[in-house]
């Protein structure tokens, strides 16, 4: 399944800053001790590259970004561990879960416990998908029965498979937090589904902070 990530909120500069984008607002904040040059947007890319290279991160905390992420609940648990962010998640206590997906069959990497590798077996792949669909249907039937009998949603949800049940998360944090998250989760050692989400987040960050992403990626390659 392709990651479903959307931008829902982004800090924008006011007219008094002279900045035309959130990207330039970071540079504006960084020049707080040099007010005569604070509205110099022309050299903003160079300044941002300097800040990143020398790990002066506080200006990147001035801007905040909020994204909507649709994923399975087990991947959601991994995302929620990033405590520098604020979260709002779809609640199974107040609403009925209706979206479920089967997962692909990936094999354990014998050389790395934190990694999985694609299964090239048609038999395994199809059997895994078929059995998941059967299990999802049985879980949904019991879930619906429980709700129809008046069992509370917070109790009925216990029968739903975490790895097949979709959730929606709003994830809000500073640009600094997003840089750290995308660098960490976009690399090796992260579950594939989570890596795909982090990479999609990074694509969105790049759209609005092109100079920042260029500097981060260039610094990584040095």
N, C-alpha and C. Protein backbone atom coordinates (compact mmCIF):
# COMPACT_ATOMS: atom_id res chain seq x y z
N UNK A 1 0.84 -1.19 0.00
CA UNK A 1 0.00 0.00 0.00
C UNK A 1 0.87 1.25 0.00
N UNK A 2 0.57 2.19 -0.88
CA UNK A 2 1.31 3.44 -0.91
C UNK A 2 1.01 4.24 0.35
N UNK A 3 2.03 4.90 0.91
CA UNK A 3 1.80 5.71 2.10
C UNK A 3 0.87 6.88 1.81
N UNK A 4 -0.04 7.15 2.73
CA UNK A 4 -0.98 8.25 2.57
C UNK A 4 -0.61 9.35 3.55
N UNK A 5 0.09 10.34 3.07
CA UNK A 5 0.57 11.44 3.90
C UNK A 5 0.18 12.75 3.24
N UNK A 6 -0.40 13.66 4.01
CA UNK A 6 -0.83 14.96 3.47
C UNK A 6 -0.44 16.07 4.44
N UNK A 7 -0.09 17.21 3.90
CA UNK A 7 0.17 18.39 4.72
C UNK A 7 -1.16 19.02 5.10
N UNK A 8 -1.33 19.32 6.41
CA UNK A 8 -2.56 19.98 6.85
C UNK A 8 -2.30 21.31 7.53
N UNK A 9 -1.05 21.58 7.91
CA UNK A 9 -0.74 22.84 8.56
C UNK A 9 0.73 23.20 8.46
N UNK A 10 1.00 24.51 8.34
CA UNK A 10 2.38 24.98 8.17
C UNK A 10 2.48 26.42 8.63
N UNK A 11 3.48 26.73 9.46
CA UNK A 11 3.70 28.10 9.91
C UNK A 11 4.02 28.99 8.72
N UNK A 12 3.34 30.11 8.62
CA UNK A 12 3.59 31.07 7.55
C UNK A 12 4.03 32.41 8.14
N UNK A 13 4.95 33.11 7.47
CA UNK A 13 5.43 34.40 7.99
C UNK A 13 4.38 35.50 7.81
N UNK A 14 4.38 36.45 8.72
CA UNK A 14 3.52 37.62 8.56
C UNK A 14 4.25 38.67 7.73
N UNK A 15 3.54 39.71 7.37
CA UNK A 15 4.10 40.73 6.48
C UNK A 15 5.29 41.46 7.10
N UNK A 16 5.34 41.57 8.42
CA UNK A 16 6.41 42.35 9.05
C UNK A 16 7.78 41.70 8.91
N UNK A 17 7.83 40.43 8.58
CA UNK A 17 9.11 39.72 8.48
C UNK A 17 9.81 39.95 7.15
N UNK A 18 9.04 40.27 6.12
CA UNK A 18 9.63 40.38 4.80
C UNK A 18 9.89 39.03 4.15
N UNK A 19 9.64 37.97 4.88
CA UNK A 19 9.82 36.61 4.35
C UNK A 19 8.61 36.24 3.51
N UNK A 20 8.84 35.47 2.46
CA UNK A 20 7.77 35.08 1.56
C UNK A 20 7.34 33.63 1.73
N UNK A 21 8.03 32.90 2.59
CA UNK A 21 7.73 31.48 2.76
C UNK A 21 8.21 31.02 4.13
N UNK A 22 7.76 29.84 4.52
CA UNK A 22 8.25 29.26 5.78
C UNK A 22 9.74 28.99 5.70
N UNK A 23 10.21 28.67 4.52
CA UNK A 23 11.63 28.42 4.29
C UNK A 23 12.45 29.66 4.66
N UNK A 24 12.01 30.84 4.20
CA UNK A 24 12.72 32.09 4.49
C UNK A 24 12.51 32.52 5.94
N UNK A 25 11.40 32.11 6.54
CA UNK A 25 11.13 32.48 7.93
C UNK A 25 12.17 31.90 8.88
N UNK A 26 12.68 30.71 8.57
CA UNK A 26 13.73 30.11 9.40
C UNK A 26 14.96 31.00 9.40
N UNK A 27 15.35 31.49 8.23
CA UNK A 27 16.51 32.38 8.12
C UNK A 27 16.25 33.70 8.85
N UNK A 28 15.04 34.20 8.75
CA UNK A 28 14.67 35.43 9.45
C UNK A 28 14.86 35.28 10.96
N UNK A 29 14.39 34.17 11.50
CA UNK A 29 14.52 33.91 12.93
C UNK A 29 15.98 33.74 13.33
N UNK A 30 16.76 33.13 12.46
CA UNK A 30 18.18 32.90 12.77
C UNK A 30 18.95 34.20 12.89
N UNK A 31 18.47 35.26 12.22
CA UNK A 31 19.18 36.55 12.21
C UNK A 31 18.63 37.50 13.27
N UNK A 32 18.02 36.97 14.31
CA UNK A 32 17.43 37.82 15.34
C UNK A 32 18.45 38.75 15.98
N UNK A 33 19.71 38.34 16.03
CA UNK A 33 20.76 39.17 16.62
C UNK A 33 21.42 40.10 15.60
N UNK A 34 20.91 40.08 14.38
CA UNK A 34 21.43 40.94 13.31
C UNK A 34 20.25 41.59 12.59
N UNK A 35 19.50 42.44 13.30
CA UNK A 35 18.24 42.97 12.75
C UNK A 35 18.41 43.77 11.46
N UNK A 36 19.58 44.40 11.27
CA UNK A 36 19.78 45.18 10.05
C UNK A 36 19.76 44.30 8.80
N UNK A 37 20.08 43.03 8.98
CA UNK A 37 20.16 42.11 7.85
C UNK A 37 19.08 41.04 7.89
N UNK A 38 18.10 41.25 8.77
CA UNK A 38 17.12 40.19 9.04
C UNK A 38 16.21 39.89 7.85
N UNK A 39 15.98 40.87 7.01
CA UNK A 39 15.09 40.67 5.87
C UNK A 39 15.83 40.30 4.59
N UNK A 40 17.06 39.88 4.73
CA UNK A 40 17.88 39.50 3.58
C UNK A 40 17.53 38.08 3.15
N UNK A 41 16.57 37.97 2.25
CA UNK A 41 16.15 36.65 1.78
C UNK A 41 17.09 36.08 0.72
N UNK A 42 17.87 36.95 0.10
CA UNK A 42 18.75 36.52 -0.98
C UNK A 42 19.79 35.51 -0.51
N UNK A 43 20.30 35.73 0.70
CA UNK A 43 21.35 34.83 1.21
C UNK A 43 20.79 33.79 2.17
N UNK A 44 19.46 33.66 2.24
CA UNK A 44 18.85 32.68 3.14
C UNK A 44 19.34 31.26 2.89
N UNK A 45 19.42 30.79 1.64
CA UNK A 45 19.90 29.42 1.41
C UNK A 45 21.30 29.17 1.97
N UNK A 46 22.18 30.14 1.81
CA UNK A 46 23.55 30.00 2.31
C UNK A 46 23.56 29.93 3.84
N UNK A 47 22.73 30.76 4.47
CA UNK A 47 22.65 30.76 5.93
C UNK A 47 22.09 29.44 6.44
N UNK A 48 21.04 28.93 5.81
CA UNK A 48 20.45 27.66 6.24
C UNK A 48 21.45 26.52 6.12
N UNK A 49 22.22 26.52 5.05
CA UNK A 49 23.24 25.49 4.87
C UNK A 49 24.30 25.56 5.97
N UNK A 50 24.67 26.78 6.35
CA UNK A 50 25.65 26.97 7.43
C UNK A 50 25.10 26.44 8.76
N UNK A 51 23.86 26.79 9.05
CA UNK A 51 23.25 26.36 10.31
C UNK A 51 23.20 24.84 10.41
N UNK A 52 22.83 24.20 9.32
CA UNK A 52 22.72 22.73 9.32
C UNK A 52 24.10 22.08 9.42
N UNK A 53 25.05 22.60 8.69
CA UNK A 53 26.39 22.02 8.71
C UNK A 53 27.00 22.07 10.10
N UNK A 54 26.74 23.17 10.82
CA UNK A 54 27.33 23.35 12.15
C UNK A 54 26.35 23.01 13.26
N UNK A 55 25.21 22.42 12.90
CA UNK A 55 24.21 21.91 13.85
C UNK A 55 23.69 22.98 14.81
N UNK A 56 23.41 24.14 14.26
CA UNK A 56 22.74 25.19 15.02
C UNK A 56 21.23 25.04 14.76
N UNK A 57 20.56 24.26 15.60
CA UNK A 57 19.21 23.81 15.28
C UNK A 57 18.09 24.71 15.79
N UNK A 58 18.35 25.61 16.73
CA UNK A 58 17.25 26.35 17.35
C UNK A 58 16.39 27.14 16.36
N UNK A 59 16.95 27.74 15.30
CA UNK A 59 16.06 28.45 14.36
C UNK A 59 15.04 27.53 13.68
N UNK A 60 15.36 26.26 13.59
CA UNK A 60 14.45 25.32 12.93
C UNK A 60 13.29 24.91 13.85
N UNK A 61 13.33 25.39 15.09
CA UNK A 61 12.23 25.14 16.02
C UNK A 61 11.16 26.23 15.94
N UNK A 62 11.43 27.28 15.16
CA UNK A 62 10.49 28.39 15.05
C UNK A 62 9.29 28.04 14.17
N UNK A 63 9.53 27.17 13.20
CA UNK A 63 8.49 26.80 12.24
C UNK A 63 7.92 25.43 12.59
N UNK A 64 6.61 25.30 12.49
CA UNK A 64 5.95 24.02 12.79
C UNK A 64 5.21 23.50 11.56
N UNK A 65 5.12 22.18 11.49
CA UNK A 65 4.46 21.50 10.37
C UNK A 65 3.53 20.43 10.94
N UNK A 66 2.33 20.33 10.40
CA UNK A 66 1.38 19.28 10.79
C UNK A 66 1.01 18.45 9.57
N UNK A 67 1.11 17.13 9.72
CA UNK A 67 0.76 16.24 8.62
C UNK A 67 -0.29 15.22 9.06
N UNK A 68 -1.09 14.81 8.08
CA UNK A 68 -2.06 13.73 8.28
C UNK A 68 -1.47 12.45 7.71
N UNK A 69 -1.45 11.41 8.52
CA UNK A 69 -0.87 10.13 8.11
C UNK A 69 -1.93 9.04 8.26
N UNK A 70 -2.17 8.32 7.18
CA UNK A 70 -3.08 7.17 7.22
C UNK A 70 -2.24 5.91 7.09
N UNK A 71 -2.30 5.07 8.10
CA UNK A 71 -1.49 3.85 8.12
C UNK A 71 -2.17 2.82 9.00
N UNK A 72 -1.55 1.66 9.17
CA UNK A 72 -2.10 0.66 10.07
C UNK A 72 -1.71 0.98 11.50
N UNK A 73 -2.46 0.44 12.44
CA UNK A 73 -2.26 0.83 13.84
C UNK A 73 -0.92 0.37 14.39
N UNK A 74 -0.37 -0.73 13.89
CA UNK A 74 0.93 -1.17 14.40
C UNK A 74 2.03 -0.20 13.99
N UNK A 75 1.96 0.32 12.77
CA UNK A 75 2.92 1.33 12.34
C UNK A 75 2.67 2.63 13.10
N UNK A 76 1.40 2.91 13.36
CA UNK A 76 1.07 4.09 14.15
C UNK A 76 1.72 4.08 15.52
N UNK A 77 1.82 2.89 16.14
CA UNK A 77 2.46 2.80 17.45
C UNK A 77 3.94 3.21 17.38
N UNK A 78 4.59 2.86 16.27
CA UNK A 78 5.99 3.26 16.09
C UNK A 78 6.10 4.77 15.95
N UNK A 79 5.18 5.36 15.19
CA UNK A 79 5.21 6.80 14.98
C UNK A 79 5.00 7.55 16.29
N UNK A 80 4.08 7.07 17.11
CA UNK A 80 3.76 7.75 18.37
C UNK A 80 4.90 7.75 19.37
N UNK A 81 5.92 6.96 19.13
CA UNK A 81 7.07 6.93 20.04
C UNK A 81 7.95 8.17 19.90
N UNK A 82 7.73 8.96 18.86
CA UNK A 82 8.55 10.16 18.65
C UNK A 82 7.96 11.29 19.49
N UNK A 83 8.50 11.45 20.69
CA UNK A 83 7.85 12.26 21.72
C UNK A 83 8.04 13.76 21.57
N UNK A 84 8.86 14.19 20.61
CA UNK A 84 8.97 15.63 20.40
C UNK A 84 7.79 16.16 19.59
N UNK A 85 6.96 15.26 19.09
CA UNK A 85 5.77 15.65 18.32
C UNK A 85 4.53 15.65 19.20
N UNK A 86 3.49 16.33 18.71
CA UNK A 86 2.16 16.25 19.31
C UNK A 86 1.27 15.47 18.35
N UNK A 87 0.35 14.68 18.93
CA UNK A 87 -0.45 13.78 18.10
C UNK A 87 -1.94 13.88 18.42
N UNK A 88 -2.73 13.62 17.40
CA UNK A 88 -4.16 13.39 17.55
C UNK A 88 -4.48 12.19 16.67
N UNK A 89 -5.11 11.15 17.24
CA UNK A 89 -5.35 9.93 16.48
C UNK A 89 -6.83 9.55 16.49
N UNK A 90 -7.26 8.92 15.41
CA UNK A 90 -8.59 8.34 15.32
C UNK A 90 -8.83 7.44 16.53
N UNK A 91 -9.94 7.66 17.22
CA UNK A 91 -10.23 6.92 18.45
C UNK A 91 -11.23 5.80 18.20
N UNK A 92 -10.81 4.58 18.51
CA UNK A 92 -11.71 3.44 18.41
C UNK A 92 -12.68 3.37 19.58
N UNK A 93 -12.50 4.24 20.57
CA UNK A 93 -13.46 4.30 21.68
C UNK A 93 -14.70 5.08 21.28
N UNK A 94 -14.56 6.01 20.32
CA UNK A 94 -15.67 6.89 19.96
C UNK A 94 -16.21 6.66 18.56
N UNK A 95 -15.42 5.99 17.72
CA UNK A 95 -15.85 5.78 16.33
C UNK A 95 -15.61 4.32 15.93
N UNK A 96 -16.34 3.88 14.93
CA UNK A 96 -16.25 2.50 14.47
C UNK A 96 -15.16 2.38 13.41
N UNK A 97 -14.27 1.41 13.58
CA UNK A 97 -13.24 1.14 12.58
C UNK A 97 -13.87 0.43 11.38
N UNK A 98 -13.58 0.93 10.19
CA UNK A 98 -14.20 0.37 8.99
C UNK A 98 -13.20 0.00 7.90
N UNK A 99 -11.97 0.48 8.02
CA UNK A 99 -10.98 0.25 6.95
C UNK A 99 -9.93 -0.76 7.40
N UNK A 100 -9.75 -1.79 6.59
CA UNK A 100 -8.79 -2.86 6.90
C UNK A 100 -8.05 -3.24 5.62
N UNK A 101 -6.77 -3.60 5.76
CA UNK A 101 -5.99 -4.01 4.59
C UNK A 101 -5.14 -5.23 4.93
N UNK A 102 -4.93 -6.13 3.97
CA UNK A 102 -3.97 -7.22 4.17
C UNK A 102 -2.55 -6.70 3.97
N UNK A 103 -1.59 -7.36 4.56
CA UNK A 103 -0.19 -6.95 4.46
C UNK A 103 0.58 -7.91 3.58
N UNK A 104 1.65 -7.43 2.98
CA UNK A 104 2.44 -8.28 2.11
C UNK A 104 3.28 -9.25 2.93
N UNK A 105 3.66 -10.35 2.31
CA UNK A 105 4.52 -11.34 2.97
C UNK A 105 5.97 -10.98 2.71
N UNK A 106 6.66 -10.56 3.75
CA UNK A 106 8.11 -10.34 3.65
C UNK A 106 8.79 -11.32 4.59
N UNK A 107 9.96 -11.77 4.21
CA UNK A 107 10.67 -12.77 4.98
C UNK A 107 11.68 -12.11 5.91
N UNK A 108 11.99 -12.81 7.00
CA UNK A 108 12.99 -12.31 7.93
C UNK A 108 14.37 -12.32 7.28
N UNK A 109 15.07 -11.20 7.39
CA UNK A 109 16.44 -11.12 6.90
C UNK A 109 17.33 -11.91 7.86
N UNK A 110 18.00 -12.97 7.41
CA UNK A 110 18.83 -13.78 8.32
C UNK A 110 20.06 -13.04 8.83
N UNK A 111 20.40 -11.92 8.20
CA UNK A 111 21.59 -11.17 8.59
C UNK A 111 21.29 -9.95 9.44
N UNK A 112 19.99 -9.62 9.56
CA UNK A 112 19.63 -8.41 10.29
C UNK A 112 18.23 -8.58 10.87
N UNK A 113 18.14 -8.64 12.19
CA UNK A 113 16.85 -8.86 12.85
C UNK A 113 15.90 -7.69 12.67
N UNK A 114 16.43 -6.52 12.31
CA UNK A 114 15.59 -5.34 12.12
C UNK A 114 15.18 -5.15 10.67
N UNK A 115 15.43 -6.14 9.84
CA UNK A 115 15.15 -5.99 8.42
C UNK A 115 14.35 -7.18 7.90
N UNK A 116 13.57 -6.92 6.87
CA UNK A 116 12.84 -7.99 6.18
C UNK A 116 13.14 -7.89 4.69
N UNK A 117 12.94 -8.99 3.99
CA UNK A 117 13.25 -9.04 2.56
C UNK A 117 12.03 -9.56 1.80
N UNK A 118 11.88 -9.17 0.53
CA UNK A 118 10.70 -9.59 -0.24
C UNK A 118 10.62 -11.11 -0.38
N UNK A 119 9.41 -11.60 -0.37
CA UNK A 119 9.18 -13.01 -0.65
C UNK A 119 8.94 -13.18 -2.15
N UNK A 120 9.68 -14.09 -2.76
CA UNK A 120 9.52 -14.35 -4.19
C UNK A 120 8.66 -15.58 -4.45
N UNK A 121 8.08 -16.11 -3.37
CA UNK A 121 7.24 -17.30 -3.49
C UNK A 121 5.79 -16.90 -3.73
N UNK A 122 5.27 -17.23 -4.90
CA UNK A 122 3.87 -16.94 -5.20
C UNK A 122 2.95 -17.66 -4.22
N UNK A 123 3.29 -18.89 -3.88
CA UNK A 123 2.47 -19.69 -2.97
C UNK A 123 2.37 -19.03 -1.60
N UNK A 124 3.52 -18.62 -1.06
CA UNK A 124 3.52 -17.97 0.25
C UNK A 124 2.75 -16.65 0.20
N UNK A 125 3.02 -15.86 -0.82
CA UNK A 125 2.38 -14.55 -0.93
C UNK A 125 0.86 -14.66 -1.01
N UNK A 126 0.37 -15.57 -1.84
CA UNK A 126 -1.07 -15.71 -2.01
C UNK A 126 -1.74 -16.33 -0.79
N UNK A 127 -1.09 -17.32 -0.19
CA UNK A 127 -1.65 -17.95 1.00
C UNK A 127 -1.73 -16.94 2.14
N UNK A 128 -0.68 -16.16 2.30
CA UNK A 128 -0.64 -15.15 3.36
C UNK A 128 -1.75 -14.12 3.17
N UNK A 129 -1.93 -13.66 1.93
CA UNK A 129 -2.97 -12.69 1.65
C UNK A 129 -4.36 -13.29 1.88
N UNK A 130 -4.58 -14.52 1.43
CA UNK A 130 -5.88 -15.17 1.57
C UNK A 130 -6.24 -15.35 3.04
N UNK A 131 -5.29 -15.84 3.84
CA UNK A 131 -5.56 -16.10 5.25
C UNK A 131 -5.80 -14.80 6.01
N UNK A 132 -5.09 -13.75 5.63
CA UNK A 132 -5.34 -12.46 6.28
C UNK A 132 -6.76 -11.98 5.99
N UNK A 133 -7.18 -12.10 4.73
CA UNK A 133 -8.53 -11.67 4.37
C UNK A 133 -9.58 -12.45 5.14
N UNK A 134 -9.35 -13.75 5.30
CA UNK A 134 -10.28 -14.58 6.07
C UNK A 134 -10.32 -14.12 7.52
N UNK A 135 -9.15 -13.85 8.07
CA UNK A 135 -9.06 -13.43 9.48
C UNK A 135 -9.71 -12.06 9.68
N UNK A 136 -9.49 -11.16 8.72
CA UNK A 136 -10.09 -9.84 8.80
C UNK A 136 -11.61 -9.95 8.80
N UNK A 137 -12.16 -10.78 7.91
CA UNK A 137 -13.61 -10.94 7.83
C UNK A 137 -14.19 -11.51 9.12
N UNK A 138 -13.51 -12.50 9.69
CA UNK A 138 -13.98 -13.08 10.95
C UNK A 138 -13.93 -12.05 12.08
N UNK A 139 -12.86 -11.27 12.10
CA UNK A 139 -12.73 -10.24 13.13
C UNK A 139 -13.82 -9.18 12.98
N UNK A 140 -14.09 -8.78 11.74
CA UNK A 140 -15.13 -7.79 11.48
C UNK A 140 -16.51 -8.31 11.89
N UNK A 141 -16.75 -9.59 11.63
CA UNK A 141 -18.04 -10.19 12.01
C UNK A 141 -18.23 -10.16 13.51
N UNK A 142 -17.19 -10.53 14.26
CA UNK A 142 -17.29 -10.53 15.72
C UNK A 142 -17.39 -9.10 16.25
N UNK A 143 -16.65 -8.20 15.65
CA UNK A 143 -16.68 -6.78 16.02
C UNK A 143 -18.09 -6.23 15.84
N UNK A 144 -18.70 -6.50 14.68
CA UNK A 144 -20.05 -6.01 14.41
C UNK A 144 -21.06 -6.65 15.36
N UNK A 145 -20.89 -7.94 15.62
CA UNK A 145 -21.80 -8.61 16.55
C UNK A 145 -21.73 -7.94 17.92
N UNK A 146 -20.51 -7.66 18.37
CA UNK A 146 -20.34 -7.03 19.68
C UNK A 146 -21.01 -5.66 19.73
N UNK A 147 -20.81 -4.87 18.69
CA UNK A 147 -21.43 -3.54 18.65
C UNK A 147 -22.94 -3.64 18.60
N UNK A 148 -23.44 -4.58 17.80
CA UNK A 148 -24.90 -4.76 17.68
C UNK A 148 -25.53 -5.18 19.01
N UNK A 149 -24.77 -5.89 19.84
CA UNK A 149 -25.26 -6.34 21.14
C UNK A 149 -25.08 -5.28 22.22
N UNK A 150 -24.55 -4.13 21.83
CA UNK A 150 -24.40 -3.05 22.79
C UNK A 150 -23.09 -3.04 23.55
N UNK A 151 -22.17 -3.91 23.18
CA UNK A 151 -20.86 -3.90 23.83
C UNK A 151 -20.14 -2.61 23.45
N UNK A 152 -19.51 -1.99 24.42
CA UNK A 152 -18.85 -0.69 24.19
C UNK A 152 -17.76 -0.80 23.13
N UNK A 153 -17.61 0.26 22.36
CA UNK A 153 -16.58 0.27 21.32
C UNK A 153 -15.20 0.00 21.89
N UNK A 154 -14.94 0.52 23.10
CA UNK A 154 -13.62 0.34 23.69
C UNK A 154 -13.32 -1.12 24.02
N UNK A 155 -14.37 -1.92 24.17
CA UNK A 155 -14.20 -3.35 24.41
C UNK A 155 -14.26 -4.15 23.11
N UNK A 156 -15.14 -3.77 22.23
CA UNK A 156 -15.31 -4.49 20.96
C UNK A 156 -14.05 -4.42 20.11
N UNK A 157 -13.31 -3.33 20.20
CA UNK A 157 -12.11 -3.15 19.37
C UNK A 157 -11.02 -4.18 19.68
N UNK A 158 -11.12 -4.86 20.81
CA UNK A 158 -10.09 -5.82 21.22
C UNK A 158 -9.92 -6.95 20.22
N UNK A 159 -10.94 -7.23 19.42
CA UNK A 159 -10.86 -8.36 18.48
C UNK A 159 -10.28 -7.96 17.13
N UNK A 160 -10.01 -6.68 16.92
CA UNK A 160 -9.51 -6.22 15.62
C UNK A 160 -8.00 -6.37 15.53
N UNK A 161 -7.49 -6.85 14.41
CA UNK A 161 -6.04 -7.04 14.25
C UNK A 161 -5.33 -5.70 14.03
N UNK A 162 -4.40 -5.36 14.92
CA UNK A 162 -3.68 -4.09 14.85
C UNK A 162 -2.99 -3.88 13.50
N UNK A 163 -2.40 -4.96 12.99
CA UNK A 163 -1.62 -4.83 11.76
C UNK A 163 -2.44 -4.70 10.50
N UNK A 164 -3.76 -4.90 10.61
CA UNK A 164 -4.63 -4.80 9.44
C UNK A 164 -5.62 -3.64 9.55
N UNK A 165 -5.70 -3.03 10.71
CA UNK A 165 -6.68 -1.98 10.96
C UNK A 165 -6.08 -0.62 10.68
N UNK A 166 -6.74 0.15 9.82
CA UNK A 166 -6.25 1.47 9.45
C UNK A 166 -6.57 2.50 10.53
N UNK A 167 -5.70 3.50 10.63
CA UNK A 167 -5.91 4.60 11.55
C UNK A 167 -5.48 5.89 10.87
N UNK A 168 -5.93 7.01 11.43
CA UNK A 168 -5.51 8.32 10.94
C UNK A 168 -4.86 9.07 12.09
N UNK A 169 -3.69 9.63 11.83
CA UNK A 169 -2.93 10.35 12.84
C UNK A 169 -2.59 11.74 12.32
N UNK A 170 -2.81 12.76 13.17
CA UNK A 170 -2.28 14.09 12.90
C UNK A 170 -1.01 14.24 13.71
N UNK A 171 0.07 14.56 13.03
CA UNK A 171 1.40 14.61 13.64
C UNK A 171 1.94 16.02 13.48
N UNK A 172 2.17 16.70 14.60
CA UNK A 172 2.59 18.10 14.57
C UNK A 172 3.92 18.27 15.30
N UNK A 173 4.83 18.99 14.67
CA UNK A 173 6.12 19.22 15.31
C UNK A 173 6.89 20.33 14.63
N UNK A 174 7.98 20.73 15.24
CA UNK A 174 8.82 21.76 14.65
C UNK A 174 9.58 21.19 13.46
N UNK A 175 10.09 22.08 12.64
CA UNK A 175 10.89 21.63 11.50
C UNK A 175 12.09 20.82 11.97
N UNK A 176 12.67 21.22 13.09
CA UNK A 176 13.80 20.45 13.63
C UNK A 176 13.38 19.01 13.92
N UNK A 177 12.23 18.82 14.52
CA UNK A 177 11.76 17.46 14.82
C UNK A 177 11.52 16.67 13.54
N UNK A 178 10.97 17.34 12.52
CA UNK A 178 10.73 16.65 11.26
C UNK A 178 12.02 16.23 10.58
N UNK A 179 13.04 17.08 10.65
CA UNK A 179 14.34 16.73 10.06
C UNK A 179 14.89 15.48 10.75
N UNK A 180 14.85 15.48 12.07
CA UNK A 180 15.37 14.33 12.83
C UNK A 180 14.56 13.07 12.51
N UNK A 181 13.24 13.19 12.51
CA UNK A 181 12.37 12.04 12.26
C UNK A 181 12.62 11.45 10.88
N UNK A 182 12.65 12.29 9.87
CA UNK A 182 12.81 11.80 8.50
C UNK A 182 14.19 11.20 8.27
N UNK A 183 15.21 11.78 8.88
CA UNK A 183 16.56 11.21 8.75
C UNK A 183 16.63 9.85 9.43
N UNK A 184 16.03 9.73 10.61
CA UNK A 184 16.09 8.49 11.37
C UNK A 184 15.25 7.39 10.74
N UNK A 185 13.98 7.69 10.46
CA UNK A 185 13.06 6.67 9.97
C UNK A 185 13.18 6.43 8.47
N UNK A 186 13.86 7.31 7.78
CA UNK A 186 14.07 7.11 6.35
C UNK A 186 15.29 6.26 6.05
N UNK A 187 15.98 5.81 7.10
CA UNK A 187 17.20 5.04 6.91
C UNK A 187 17.03 3.57 7.22
N UNK A 188 18.14 2.88 7.29
CA UNK A 188 18.12 1.44 7.56
C UNK A 188 17.70 1.18 9.01
N UNK A 189 17.12 0.01 9.24
CA UNK A 189 16.72 -0.37 10.58
C UNK A 189 15.29 -0.02 10.93
N UNK A 190 14.57 0.58 9.99
CA UNK A 190 13.17 0.93 10.18
C UNK A 190 12.29 0.04 9.32
N UNK A 191 11.14 -0.36 9.84
CA UNK A 191 10.22 -1.19 9.07
C UNK A 191 9.83 -0.49 7.78
N UNK A 192 9.74 -1.25 6.69
CA UNK A 192 9.53 -0.69 5.35
C UNK A 192 8.35 0.27 5.29
N UNK A 193 7.21 -0.13 5.86
CA UNK A 193 6.02 0.72 5.81
C UNK A 193 6.27 2.07 6.48
N UNK A 194 7.03 2.05 7.55
CA UNK A 194 7.35 3.29 8.26
C UNK A 194 8.35 4.12 7.47
N UNK A 195 9.31 3.47 6.85
CA UNK A 195 10.28 4.18 6.01
C UNK A 195 9.58 4.90 4.87
N UNK A 196 8.61 4.25 4.26
CA UNK A 196 7.87 4.87 3.15
C UNK A 196 7.12 6.11 3.62
N UNK A 197 6.58 6.07 4.83
CA UNK A 197 5.90 7.24 5.39
C UNK A 197 6.89 8.37 5.62
N UNK A 198 8.03 8.05 6.23
CA UNK A 198 9.05 9.07 6.50
C UNK A 198 9.54 9.71 5.21
N UNK A 199 9.73 8.91 4.17
CA UNK A 199 10.20 9.45 2.89
C UNK A 199 9.15 10.34 2.24
N UNK A 200 7.88 9.97 2.40
CA UNK A 200 6.81 10.83 1.87
C UNK A 200 6.76 12.14 2.65
N UNK A 201 6.94 12.08 3.95
CA UNK A 201 7.00 13.29 4.77
C UNK A 201 8.14 14.19 4.30
N UNK A 202 9.27 13.57 4.00
CA UNK A 202 10.45 14.33 3.55
C UNK A 202 10.17 15.00 2.21
N UNK A 203 9.43 14.33 1.34
CA UNK A 203 9.05 14.94 0.06
C UNK A 203 8.22 16.19 0.28
N UNK A 204 7.31 16.12 1.25
CA UNK A 204 6.46 17.27 1.56
C UNK A 204 7.30 18.39 2.17
N UNK A 205 8.21 18.04 3.07
CA UNK A 205 9.11 19.04 3.64
C UNK A 205 9.91 19.72 2.53
N UNK A 206 10.38 18.93 1.57
CA UNK A 206 11.18 19.49 0.48
C UNK A 206 10.38 20.50 -0.34
N UNK A 207 9.09 20.25 -0.52
CA UNK A 207 8.25 21.17 -1.28
C UNK A 207 8.21 22.55 -0.65
N UNK A 208 8.20 22.60 0.67
CA UNK A 208 8.04 23.87 1.38
C UNK A 208 9.35 24.41 1.96
N UNK A 209 10.35 23.55 2.08
CA UNK A 209 11.65 23.97 2.60
C UNK A 209 12.76 23.43 1.69
N UNK A 210 12.77 23.83 0.43
CA UNK A 210 13.74 23.26 -0.51
C UNK A 210 15.19 23.52 -0.12
N UNK A 211 15.47 24.69 0.42
CA UNK A 211 16.85 25.00 0.81
C UNK A 211 17.30 24.16 2.00
N UNK A 212 16.37 23.89 2.90
CA UNK A 212 16.68 23.08 4.08
C UNK A 212 16.98 21.65 3.66
N UNK A 213 16.13 21.07 2.85
CA UNK A 213 16.34 19.68 2.41
C UNK A 213 17.62 19.55 1.60
N UNK A 214 17.88 20.51 0.74
CA UNK A 214 19.11 20.48 -0.05
C UNK A 214 20.33 20.49 0.85
N UNK A 215 20.30 21.32 1.89
CA UNK A 215 21.43 21.41 2.82
C UNK A 215 21.59 20.14 3.65
N UNK A 216 20.47 19.59 4.12
CA UNK A 216 20.53 18.35 4.91
C UNK A 216 21.08 17.21 4.07
N UNK A 217 20.57 17.06 2.86
CA UNK A 217 21.02 15.97 1.99
C UNK A 217 22.48 16.15 1.58
N UNK A 218 22.90 17.39 1.34
CA UNK A 218 24.29 17.64 0.98
C UNK A 218 25.22 17.35 2.14
N UNK A 219 24.79 17.73 3.33
CA UNK A 219 25.61 17.49 4.52
C UNK A 219 25.73 16.01 4.81
N UNK A 220 24.67 15.25 4.50
CA UNK A 220 24.67 13.80 4.72
C UNK A 220 25.67 13.11 3.80
N UNK A 221 25.84 13.66 2.61
CA UNK A 221 26.72 13.04 1.62
C UNK A 221 28.20 13.36 1.83
N UNK A 222 28.49 14.33 2.69
CA UNK A 222 29.88 14.72 2.90
C UNK A 222 30.64 13.69 3.73
